[in-house]
Amino acid sequence: MKSFWSNELNLPLNNFQRVSFDKRTVGSKTYEYYNGVCNIRCGNVAIQRKLVYLSDIFIKKILVKYK
């Protein structure tokens, strides 16, 4: 999962801290193309707004890719 998000977001792998697995989905496959959720933390409102804007662009890109 770290590698996927590192490549998708064009960020170095060492920027990703840890991976958490959802115990509710153990043993079941969600979607073929599902690669988890990327959780980003920041302490600055300006950065947060930019991240929300970028996440909107990313979501639109993914929606077009898998239609």
PDB file of N, CA and C in Angstrom:
ATOM      1  N   MET A   1       0.814  -1.184   0.000  1.00  0.00           N
ATOM      2  CA  MET A   1       0.000   0.000   0.000  1.00  0.00           C
ATOM      3  C   MET A   1       0.865   1.258   0.000  1.00  0.00           C
ATOM      4  N   LYS A   2       1.958   1.219   0.759  1.00  0.00           N
ATOM      5  CA  LYS A   2       2.841   2.386   0.795  1.00  0.00           C
ATOM      6  C   LYS A   2       3.401   2.674  -0.592  1.00  0.00           C
ATOM      7  N   SER A   3       3.810   1.638  -1.287  1.00  0.00           N
ATOM      8  CA  SER A   3       4.374   1.813  -2.632  1.00  0.00           C
ATOM      9  C   SER A   3       3.347   2.400  -3.586  1.00  0.00           C
ATOM     10  N   PHE A   4       2.114   1.904  -3.508  1.00  0.00           N
ATOM     11  CA  PHE A   4       1.061   2.418  -4.385  1.00  0.00           C
ATOM     12  C   PHE A   4       0.872   3.915  -4.170  1.00  0.00           C
ATOM     13  N   TRP A   5       0.674   4.326  -2.913  1.00  0.00           N
ATOM     14  CA  TRP A   5       0.419   5.739  -2.625  1.00  0.00           C
ATOM     15  C   TRP A   5       1.647   6.595  -2.896  1.00  0.00           C
ATOM     16  N   SER A   6       2.818   6.047  -2.670  1.00  0.00           N
ATOM     17  CA  SER A   6       4.047   6.777  -2.975  1.00  0.00           C
ATOM     18  C   SER A   6       4.119   7.088  -4.466  1.00  0.00           C
ATOM     19  N   ASN A   7       3.806   6.105  -5.293  1.00  0.00           N
ATOM     20  CA  ASN A   7       3.828   6.302  -6.748  1.00  0.00           C
ATOM     21  C   ASN A   7       2.704   7.224  -7.210  1.00  0.00           C
ATOM     22  N   GLU A   8       1.494   7.017  -6.697  1.00  0.00           N
ATOM     23  CA  GLU A   8       0.347   7.819  -7.122  1.00  0.00           C
ATOM     24  C   GLU A   8       0.501   9.290  -6.762  1.00  0.00           C
ATOM     25  N   LEU A   9       1.047   9.551  -5.575  1.00  0.00           N
ATOM     26  CA  LEU A   9       1.175  10.930  -5.102  1.00  0.00           C
ATOM     27  C   LEU A   9       2.542  11.538  -5.392  1.00  0.00           C
ATOM     28  N   ASN A  10       3.421  10.728  -5.980  1.00  0.00           N
ATOM     29  CA  ASN A  10       4.766  11.175  -6.318  1.00  0.00           C
ATOM     30  C   ASN A  10       5.497  11.714  -5.089  1.00  0.00           C
ATOM     31  N   LEU A  11       5.443  10.924  -4.021  1.00  0.00           N
ATOM     32  CA  LEU A  11       6.120  11.263  -2.770  1.00  0.00           C
ATOM     33  C   LEU A  11       7.103  10.151  -2.421  1.00  0.00           C
ATOM     34  N   PRO A  12       8.204  10.484  -1.765  1.00  0.00           N
ATOM     35  CA  PRO A  12       9.158   9.449  -1.359  1.00  0.00           C
ATOM     36  C   PRO A  12       8.519   8.449  -0.392  1.00  0.00           C
ATOM     37  N   LEU A  13       8.906   7.206  -0.515  1.00  0.00           N
ATOM     38  CA  LEU A  13       8.358   6.137   0.318  1.00  0.00           C
ATOM     39  C   LEU A  13       8.573   6.393   1.804  1.00  0.00           C
ATOM     40  N   ASN A  14       9.675   7.056   2.153  1.00  0.00           N
ATOM     41  CA  ASN A  14       9.962   7.288   3.576  1.00  0.00           C
ATOM     42  C   ASN A  14       9.041   8.338   4.205  1.00  0.00           C
ATOM     43  N   ASN A  15       8.178   8.984   3.393  1.00  0.00           N
ATOM     44  CA  ASN A  15       7.191   9.925   3.939  1.00  0.00           C
ATOM     45  C   ASN A  15       5.981   9.211   4.537  1.00  0.00           C
ATOM     46  N   PHE A  16       5.871   7.923   4.331  1.00  0.00           N
ATOM     47  CA  PHE A  16       4.721   7.162   4.804  1.00  0.00           C
ATOM     48  C   PHE A  16       5.099   6.416   6.076  1.00  0.00           C
ATOM     49  N   GLN A  17       4.336   6.653   7.126  1.00  0.00           N
ATOM     50  CA  GLN A  17       4.678   6.149   8.453  1.00  0.00           C
ATOM     51  C   GLN A  17       4.309   4.689   8.688  1.00  0.00           C
ATOM     52  N   ARG A  18       3.025   4.380   8.550  1.00  0.00           N
ATOM     53  CA  ARG A  18       2.595   3.028   8.890  1.00  0.00           C
ATOM     54  C   ARG A  18       1.373   2.640   8.077  1.00  0.00           C
ATOM     55  N   VAL A  19       1.074   1.359   8.098  1.00  0.00           N
ATOM     56  CA  VAL A  19      -0.097   0.823   7.426  1.00  0.00           C
ATOM     57  C   VAL A  19      -0.992   0.197   8.477  1.00  0.00           C
ATOM     58  N   SER A  20      -2.283   0.499   8.412  1.00  0.00           N
ATOM     59  CA  SER A  20      -3.262  -0.110   9.304  1.00  0.00           C
ATOM     60  C   SER A  20      -4.223  -0.947   8.472  1.00  0.00           C
ATOM     61  N   PHE A  21      -4.516  -2.131   8.937  1.00  0.00           N
ATOM     62  CA  PHE A  21      -5.446  -3.001   8.244  1.00  0.00           C
ATOM     63  C   PHE A  21      -6.796  -2.967   8.942  1.00  0.00           C
ATOM     64  N   ASP A  22      -7.854  -2.897   8.165  1.00  0.00           N
ATOM     65  CA  ASP A  22      -9.213  -2.888   8.690  1.00  0.00           C
ATOM     66  C   ASP A  22      -9.608  -4.326   9.004  1.00  0.00           C
ATOM     67  N   LYS A  23      -9.747  -4.647  10.274  1.00  0.00           N
ATOM     68  CA  LYS A  23     -10.057  -6.010  10.693  1.00  0.00           C
ATOM     69  C   LYS A  23     -11.410  -6.484  10.182  1.00  0.00           C
ATOM     70  N   ARG A  24     -12.292  -5.534   9.853  1.00  0.00           N
ATOM     71  CA  ARG A  24     -13.624  -5.916   9.366  1.00  0.00           C
ATOM     72  C   ARG A  24     -13.574  -6.543   7.985  1.00  0.00           C
ATOM     73  N   THR A  25     -12.508  -6.285   7.217  1.00  0.00           N
ATOM     74  CA  THR A  25     -12.436  -6.799   5.853  1.00  0.00           C
ATOM     75  C   THR A  25     -11.443  -7.942   5.691  1.00  0.00           C
ATOM     76  N   VAL A  26     -10.912  -8.466   6.787  1.00  0.00           N
ATOM     77  CA  VAL A  26      -9.962  -9.573   6.705  1.00  0.00           C
ATOM     78  C   VAL A  26     -10.645 -10.775   6.060  1.00  0.00           C
ATOM     79  N   GLY A  27     -10.011 -11.324   5.041  1.00  0.00           N
ATOM     80  CA  GLY A  27     -10.551 -12.500   4.365  1.00  0.00           C
ATOM     81  C   GLY A  27     -11.503 -12.189   3.227  1.00  0.00           C
ATOM     82  N   SER A  28     -11.814 -10.924   3.016  1.00  0.00           N
ATOM     83  CA  SER A  28     -12.706 -10.576   1.908  1.00  0.00           C
ATOM     84  C   SER A  28     -12.035  -9.520   1.032  1.00  0.00           C
ATOM     85  N   LYS A  29     -12.269  -9.624  -0.246  1.00  0.00           N
ATOM     86  CA  LYS A  29     -11.694  -8.685  -1.197  1.00  0.00           C
ATOM     87  C   LYS A  29     -12.707  -7.580  -1.456  1.00  0.00           C
ATOM     88  N   THR A  30     -12.285  -6.344  -1.314  1.00  0.00           N
ATOM     89  CA  THR A  30     -13.190  -5.219  -1.509  1.00  0.00           C
ATOM     90  C   THR A  30     -13.400  -4.986  -3.001  1.00  0.00           C
ATOM     91  N   TYR A  31     -12.395  -4.490  -3.677  1.00  0.00           N
ATOM     92  CA  TYR A  31     -12.415  -4.277  -5.120  1.00  0.00           C
ATOM     93  C   TYR A  31     -11.071  -4.726  -5.657  1.00  0.00           C
ATOM     94  N   GLU A  32     -11.040  -5.106  -6.921  1.00  0.00           N
ATOM     95  CA  GLU A  32      -9.776  -5.517  -7.535  1.00  0.00           C
ATOM     96  C   GLU A  32      -8.740  -4.406  -7.486  1.00  0.00           C
ATOM     97  N   TYR A  33      -9.190  -3.187  -7.676  1.00  0.00           N
ATOM     98  CA  TYR A  33      -8.289  -2.038  -7.766  1.00  0.00           C
ATOM     99  C   TYR A  33      -8.169  -1.270  -6.450  1.00  0.00           C
ATOM    100  N   TYR A  34      -8.712  -1.794  -5.360  1.00  0.00           N
ATOM    101  CA  TYR A  34      -8.681  -1.105  -4.061  1.00  0.00           C
ATOM    102  C   TYR A  34      -7.282  -1.157  -3.459  1.00  0.00           C
ATOM    103  N   ASN A  35      -6.764  -0.002  -3.067  1.00  0.00           N
ATOM    104  CA  ASN A  35      -5.424   0.074  -2.491  1.00  0.00           C
ATOM    105  C   ASN A  35      -5.408   0.797  -1.155  1.00  0.00           C
ATOM    106  N   GLY A  36      -6.489   0.699  -0.428  1.00  0.00           N
ATOM    107  CA  GLY A  36      -6.543   1.290   0.896  1.00  0.00           C
ATOM    108  C   GLY A  36      -6.852   2.777   0.857  1.00  0.00           C
ATOM    109  N   VAL A  37      -6.703   3.395   2.000  1.00  0.00           N
ATOM    110  CA  VAL A  37      -6.993   4.815   2.171  1.00  0.00           C
ATOM    111  C   VAL A  37      -5.705   5.516   2.577  1.00  0.00           C
ATOM    112  N   CYS A  38      -5.434   6.620   1.952  1.00  0.00           N
ATOM    113  CA  CYS A  38      -4.268   7.417   2.314  1.00  0.00           C
ATOM    114  C   CYS A  38      -4.730   8.494   3.297  1.00  0.00           C
ATOM    115  N   ASN A  39      -4.183   8.483   4.486  1.00  0.00           N
ATOM    116  CA  ASN A  39      -4.550   9.428   5.536  1.00  0.00           C
ATOM    117  C   ASN A  39      -3.415  10.435   5.689  1.00  0.00           C
ATOM    118  N   ILE A  40      -3.721  11.707   5.494  1.00  0.00           N
ATOM    119  CA  ILE A  40      -2.705  12.752   5.550  1.00  0.00           C
ATOM    120  C   ILE A  40      -2.979  13.655   6.751  1.00  0.00           C
ATOM    121  N   ARG A  41      -1.936  13.946   7.519  1.00  0.00           N
ATOM    122  CA  ARG A  41      -2.057  14.832   8.674  1.00  0.00           C
ATOM    123  C   ARG A  41      -1.245  16.095   8.423  1.00  0.00           C
ATOM    124  N   CYS A  42      -1.813  17.225   8.813  1.00  0.00           N
ATOM    125  CA  CYS A  42      -1.078  18.478   8.694  1.00  0.00           C
ATOM    126  C   CYS A  42      -1.515  19.407   9.819  1.00  0.00           C
ATOM    127  N   GLY A  43      -0.681  20.377  10.146  1.00  0.00           N
ATOM    128  CA  GLY A  43      -0.986  21.278  11.241  1.00  0.00           C
ATOM    129  C   GLY A  43      -1.164  22.715  10.799  1.00  0.00           C
ATOM    130  N   ASN A  44      -1.415  22.923   9.533  1.00  0.00           N
ATOM    131  CA  ASN A  44      -1.510  24.269   8.995  1.00  0.00           C
ATOM    132  C   ASN A  44      -2.758  24.350   8.109  1.00  0.00           C
ATOM    133  N   VAL A  45      -3.627  25.312   8.364  1.00  0.00           N
ATOM    134  CA  VAL A  45      -4.883  25.421   7.622  1.00  0.00           C
ATOM    135  C   VAL A  45      -4.642  25.660   6.135  1.00  0.00           C
ATOM    136  N   ALA A  46      -3.659  26.464   5.794  1.00  0.00           N
ATOM    137  CA  ALA A  46      -3.365  26.735   4.376  1.00  0.00           C
ATOM    138  C   ALA A  46      -2.951  25.450   3.669  1.00  0.00           C
ATOM    139  N   ILE A  47      -2.114  24.659   4.317  1.00  0.00           N
ATOM    140  CA  ILE A  47      -1.701  23.377   3.739  1.00  0.00           C
ATOM    141  C   ILE A  47      -2.901  22.452   3.644  1.00  0.00           C
ATOM    142  N   GLN A  48      -3.738  22.433   4.672  1.00  0.00           N
ATOM    143  CA  GLN A  48      -4.924  21.585   4.661  1.00  0.00           C
ATOM    144  C   GLN A  48      -5.833  21.926   3.474  1.00  0.00           C
ATOM    145  N   ARG A  49      -6.043  23.205   3.223  1.00  0.00           N
ATOM    146  CA  ARG A  49      -6.883  23.613   2.095  1.00  0.00           C
ATOM    147  C   ARG A  49      -6.291  23.164   0.765  1.00  0.00           C
ATOM    148  N   LYS A  50      -4.980  23.285   0.630  1.00  0.00           N
ATOM    149  CA  LYS A  50      -4.324  22.824  -0.594  1.00  0.00           C
ATOM    150  C   LYS A  50      -4.475  21.322  -0.754  1.00  0.00           C
ATOM    151  N   LEU A  51      -4.343  20.571   0.351  1.00  0.00           N
ATOM    152  CA  LEU A  51      -4.496  19.117   0.292  1.00  0.00           C
ATOM    153  C   LEU A  51      -5.915  18.714  -0.081  1.00  0.00           C
ATOM    154  N   VAL A  52      -6.904  19.430   0.436  1.00  0.00           N
ATOM    155  CA  VAL A  52      -8.301  19.148   0.070  1.00  0.00           C
ATOM    156  C   VAL A  52      -8.497  19.394  -1.425  1.00  0.00           C
ATOM    157  N   TYR A  53      -7.947  20.479  -1.917  1.00  0.00           N
ATOM    158  CA  TYR A  53      -8.031  20.795  -3.350  1.00  0.00           C
ATOM    159  C   TYR A  53      -7.364  19.696  -4.182  1.00  0.00           C
ATOM    160  N   LEU A  54      -6.168  19.285  -3.789  1.00  0.00           N
ATOM    161  CA  LEU A  54      -5.455  18.233  -4.515  1.00  0.00           C
ATOM    162  C   LEU A  54      -6.183  16.900  -4.435  1.00  0.00           C
ATOM    163  N   SER A  55      -6.787  16.612  -3.289  1.00  0.00           N
ATOM    164  CA  SER A  55      -7.518  15.342  -3.162  1.00  0.00           C
ATOM    165  C   SER A  55      -8.724  15.333  -4.092  1.00  0.00           C
ATOM    166  N   ASP A  56      -9.354  16.474  -4.285  1.00  0.00           N
ATOM    167  CA  ASP A  56     -10.484  16.559  -5.211  1.00  0.00           C
ATOM    168  C   ASP A  56     -10.022  16.248  -6.635  1.00  0.00           C
ATOM    169  N   ILE A  57      -8.900  16.797  -7.034  1.00  0.00           N
ATOM    170  CA  ILE A  57      -8.337  16.519  -8.360  1.00  0.00           C
ATOM    171  C   ILE A  57      -8.006  15.037  -8.487  1.00  0.00           C
ATOM    172  N   PHE A  58      -7.401  14.465  -7.446  1.00  0.00           N
ATOM    173  CA  PHE A  58      -7.016  13.052  -7.462  1.00  0.00           C
ATOM    174  C   PHE A  58      -8.255  12.161  -7.589  1.00  0.00           C
ATOM    175  N   ILE A  59      -9.299  12.459  -6.842  1.00  0.00           N
ATOM    176  CA  ILE A  59     -10.525  11.658  -6.889  1.00  0.00           C
ATOM    177  C   ILE A  59     -11.122  11.697  -8.292  1.00  0.00           C
ATOM    178  N   LYS A  60     -11.156  12.870  -8.891  1.00  0.00           N
ATOM    179  CA  LYS A  60     -11.688  12.980 -10.252  1.00  0.00           C
ATOM    180  C   LYS A  60     -10.852  12.167 -11.239  1.00  0.00           C
ATOM    181  N   LYS A  61      -9.546  12.163 -11.051  1.00  0.00           N
ATOM    182  CA  LYS A  61      -8.650  11.382 -11.908  1.00  0.00           C
ATOM    183  C   LYS A  61      -8.951   9.885 -11.764  1.00  0.00           C
ATOM    184  N   ILE A  62      -9.140   9.436 -10.546  1.00  0.00           N
ATOM    185  CA  ILE A  62      -9.431   8.022 -10.293  1.00  0.00           C
ATOM    186  C   ILE A  62     -10.787   7.640 -10.880  1.00  0.00           C
ATOM    187  N   LEU A  63     -11.784   8.487 -10.719  1.00  0.00           N
ATOM    188  CA  LEU A  63     -13.108   8.194 -11.257  1.00  0.00           C
ATOM    189  C   LEU A  63     -13.076   8.023 -12.780  1.00  0.00           C
ATOM    190  N   VAL A  64     -12.330   8.871 -13.460  1.00  0.00           N
ATOM    191  CA  VAL A  64     -12.202   8.757 -14.908  1.00  0.00           C
ATOM    192  C   VAL A  64     -11.459   7.478 -15.270  1.00  0.00           C
ATOM    193  N   LYS A  65     -10.437   7.140 -14.507  1.00  0.00           N
ATOM    194  CA  LYS A  65      -9.607   5.973 -14.792  1.00  0.00           C
ATOM    195  C   LYS A  65     -10.385   4.668 -14.700  1.00  0.00           C
ATOM    196  N   TYR A  66     -11.326   4.564 -13.772  1.00  0.00           N
ATOM    197  CA  TYR A  66     -12.023   3.300 -13.522  1.00  0.00           C
ATOM    198  C   TYR A  66     -13.466   3.288 -14.012  1.00  0.00           C
ATOM    199  N   LYS A  67     -13.850   4.220 -14.868  1.00  0.00           N
ATOM    200  CA  LYS A  67     -15.210   4.184 -15.438  1.00  0.00           C
ATOM    201  C   LYS A  67     -15.322   3.174 -16.517  1.00  0.00           C
TER     202      LYS A  67
END
